[in-house]
Amino acid sequence: MKEIKSVSENNNKGENSSLKRIGNFIKEARLSRNQSIEELASDLKIGTHQLEAIEEGYEEKLPEKVFVKAMIRRISQKLKIDTEFIMDEFKTERKEVKIEEIVEEVSKNNYKSRQSKNLNPVGFLIFILIAGFLGLIASSLIFNLFSDSSQNQTPKQELLKKTK
């Protein structure tokens, strides 16, 4: 199945997806200014192969990340691109997500929500039976309490006769 990626063309040569996005920004800015890779590399005093690697997102063809960061900052300043935005993009890593993973996660969540909504009918029946049984016991105890106390009480008239 297809993969959702932040960049449509991303071959799997260990590329840093943020570097690929930045490279696309730089390439578009350079092309919009009708500037060749050779001209820009010469102006910045960096190798043409390094500028190509940045534009294509080939991290393995570039030096340490610190140096790449410095080069990207200089390139964006030279092309008058929003340097802060580019540097923030450089820090941001976006995970590639497969459609199958999304579908699987959504179906799991739907199944869990359906399970939590469906009450178990057997459990509900047992609950009703236990509640009814407890209610019956409680009512018989209360009835016995009142019936015992009423039998032990002497009527008022008998009390009055005894006191006279």
Protein backbone atom coordinates (compact mmCIF):
# COMPACT_ATOMS: atom_id res chain seq x y z
CA MET A 1 0.00 0.00 0.00
CA LYS A 2 1.02 3.63 -0.29
CA GLU A 3 2.72 5.58 2.45
CA ILE A 4 1.77 9.04 3.65
CA LYS A 5 4.89 11.16 3.54
CA SER A 6 5.61 14.79 4.02
CA VAL A 7 7.37 14.75 0.66
CA SER A 8 5.96 12.94 -2.33
CA GLU A 9 9.26 11.64 -3.73
CA ASN A 10 11.37 10.17 -0.97
CA ASN A 11 13.64 7.27 -1.78
CA ASN A 12 14.86 5.15 1.10
CA LYS A 13 18.57 6.03 1.18
CA GLY A 14 18.62 7.06 4.84
CA GLU A 15 17.30 10.52 4.12
CA ASN A 16 16.28 12.88 6.86
CA SER A 17 12.71 13.92 6.03
CA SER A 18 13.22 17.40 7.47
CA LEU A 19 16.33 17.80 5.33
CA LYS A 20 14.32 16.75 2.28
CA ARG A 21 11.62 19.36 3.05
CA ILE A 22 14.24 22.07 3.58
CA GLY A 23 16.01 21.01 0.40
CA ASN A 24 12.77 21.43 -1.51
CA PHE A 25 12.29 24.95 -0.07
CA ILE A 26 15.85 25.89 -1.00
CA LYS A 27 15.57 24.42 -4.49
CA GLU A 28 12.28 26.25 -5.16
CA ALA A 29 13.74 29.54 -3.87
CA ARG A 30 16.89 29.11 -5.99
CA LEU A 31 14.89 28.25 -9.12
CA SER A 32 12.50 31.17 -8.57
CA ARG A 33 15.55 33.47 -8.60
CA ASN A 34 16.82 31.82 -11.82
CA GLN A 35 20.03 30.84 -10.10
CA SER A 36 21.95 27.67 -10.94
CA ILE A 37 23.37 25.33 -8.31
CA GLU A 38 26.86 26.26 -9.46
CA GLU A 39 26.23 30.01 -9.03
CA LEU A 40 24.74 29.67 -5.56
CA ALA A 41 27.44 27.24 -4.41
CA SER A 42 30.11 29.61 -5.72
CA ASP A 43 28.53 32.62 -3.95
CA LEU A 44 28.39 30.67 -0.68
CA LYS A 45 31.82 29.11 -1.17
CA ILE A 46 30.52 25.57 -0.66
CA GLY A 47 30.80 22.55 -2.92
CA THR A 48 28.20 22.04 -5.63
CA HIS A 49 27.84 18.42 -4.52
CA GLN A 50 26.99 19.60 -0.98
CA LEU A 51 24.31 22.00 -2.22
CA GLU A 52 22.86 19.24 -4.42
CA ALA A 53 22.87 16.86 -1.44
CA ILE A 54 21.00 19.43 0.69
CA GLU A 55 18.43 20.09 -2.05
CA GLU A 56 17.85 16.36 -2.56
CA GLY A 57 17.95 15.52 1.16
CA TYR A 58 20.90 13.10 0.95
CA GLU A 59 22.13 13.28 4.52
CA GLU A 60 24.75 10.56 3.99
CA LYS A 61 26.55 12.78 1.45
CA LEU A 62 26.85 15.65 3.92
CA PRO A 63 29.17 16.38 6.83
CA GLU A 64 28.07 16.44 10.49
CA LYS A 65 24.65 17.88 11.30
CA VAL A 66 26.21 20.99 12.90
CA PHE A 67 27.91 21.92 9.63
CA VAL A 68 24.79 21.16 7.60
CA LYS A 69 22.81 23.42 9.91
CA ALA A 70 25.31 26.25 9.35
CA MET A 71 25.18 25.72 5.58
CA ILE A 72 21.38 25.75 5.56
CA ARG A 73 21.36 28.98 7.59
CA ARG A 74 23.77 30.64 5.12
CA ILE A 75 21.81 29.37 2.11
CA SER A 76 18.49 30.61 3.46
CA GLN A 77 19.99 34.01 4.26
CA LYS A 78 21.52 34.25 0.80
CA LEU A 79 18.21 33.30 -0.87
CA LYS A 80 16.31 35.61 1.51
CA ILE A 81 14.10 32.77 2.78
CA ASP A 82 12.62 32.95 6.29
CA THR A 83 15.68 31.63 8.10
CA GLU A 84 13.87 31.06 11.39
CA PHE A 85 11.21 28.94 9.67
CA ILE A 86 13.87 26.90 7.86
CA MET A 87 15.82 26.30 11.09
CA ASP A 88 12.63 25.26 12.90
CA GLU A 89 11.90 22.84 10.05
CA PHE A 90 15.42 21.43 10.42
CA LYS A 91 14.71 20.57 14.07
CA THR A 92 11.36 18.95 13.28
CA GLU A 93 11.34 15.25 12.55
CA ARG A 94 8.14 13.85 11.11
CA LYS A 95 7.58 10.15 11.28
CA GLU A 96 6.44 8.46 8.11
CA VAL A 97 3.12 6.75 8.69
CA LYS A 98 1.74 3.87 6.70
CA ILE A 99 -1.93 3.87 5.80
CA GLU A 100 -2.27 0.32 7.16
CA GLU A 101 -1.12 1.55 10.58
CA ILE A 102 -3.70 4.35 10.56
CA VAL A 103 -6.52 2.01 9.49
CA GLU A 104 -5.51 -0.54 12.11
CA GLU A 105 -5.40 2.09 14.87
CA VAL A 106 -8.80 3.50 13.89
CA SER A 107 -10.39 0.04 13.78
CA LYS A 108 -8.92 -0.82 17.21
CA ASN A 109 -10.34 2.39 18.66
CA ASN A 110 -13.75 1.72 17.08
CA TYR A 111 -13.78 -1.85 18.43
CA LYS A 112 -12.87 -0.67 21.94
CA SER A 113 -15.55 2.01 21.92
CA ARG A 114 -18.15 -0.49 20.70
CA GLN A 115 -17.14 -2.94 23.45
CA SER A 116 -17.44 -0.30 26.14
CA LYS A 117 -20.87 0.76 24.84
CA ASN A 118 -22.28 -2.79 24.66
CA LEU A 119 -23.32 -3.91 28.13
CA ASN A 120 -23.02 -7.61 28.74
CA PRO A 121 -26.66 -8.85 28.91
CA VAL A 122 -25.78 -11.79 31.19
CA GLY A 123 -23.99 -9.50 33.61
CA PHE A 124 -26.91 -7.09 33.57
CA LEU A 125 -29.37 -9.95 34.29
CA ILE A 126 -27.22 -11.18 37.19
CA PHE A 127 -27.11 -7.64 38.58
CA ILE A 128 -30.92 -7.36 38.41
CA LEU A 129 -31.38 -10.75 40.11
CA ILE A 130 -28.97 -9.92 42.94
CA ALA A 131 -30.56 -6.49 43.45
CA GLY A 132 -34.02 -8.08 43.54
CA PHE A 133 -32.91 -10.76 45.99
CA LEU A 134 -31.31 -8.17 48.29
CA GLY A 135 -34.47 -6.06 48.07
CA LEU A 136 -36.60 -9.07 49.01
CA ILE A 137 -34.41 -9.89 52.02
CA ALA A 138 -34.41 -6.26 53.16
CA SER A 139 -38.19 -5.98 52.89
CA SER A 140 -38.78 -9.26 54.79
CA LEU A 141 -36.44 -8.13 57.57
CA ILE A 142 -38.23 -4.81 57.86
CA PHE A 143 -41.62 -6.57 57.83
CA ASN A 144 -40.48 -8.96 60.60
CA LEU A 145 -39.17 -6.07 62.70
CA PHE A 146 -42.47 -4.22 62.52
CA SER A 147 -44.57 -7.32 63.09
CA ASP A 148 -42.53 -8.33 66.19
CA SER A 149 -42.69 -4.89 67.67
CA SER A 150 -46.45 -4.66 67.09
CA GLN A 151 -47.02 -7.99 68.84
CA ASN A 152 -44.98 -6.91 71.86
CA GLN A 153 -46.89 -3.66 72.24
CA THR A 154 -49.97 -3.68 74.37
CA PRO A 155 -52.82 -1.64 73.10
CA LYS A 156 -53.47 1.74 74.70
CA GLN A 157 -56.76 0.68 76.19
CA GLU A 158 -55.11 -2.23 78.07
CA LEU A 159 -52.48 0.16 79.44
CA LEU A 160 -55.17 2.54 80.63
CA LYS A 161 -57.07 -0.27 82.38
CA LYS A 162 -53.93 -1.45 84.15
CA THR A 163 -53.12 2.01 85.50
CA LYS A 164 -56.60 2.54 86.97
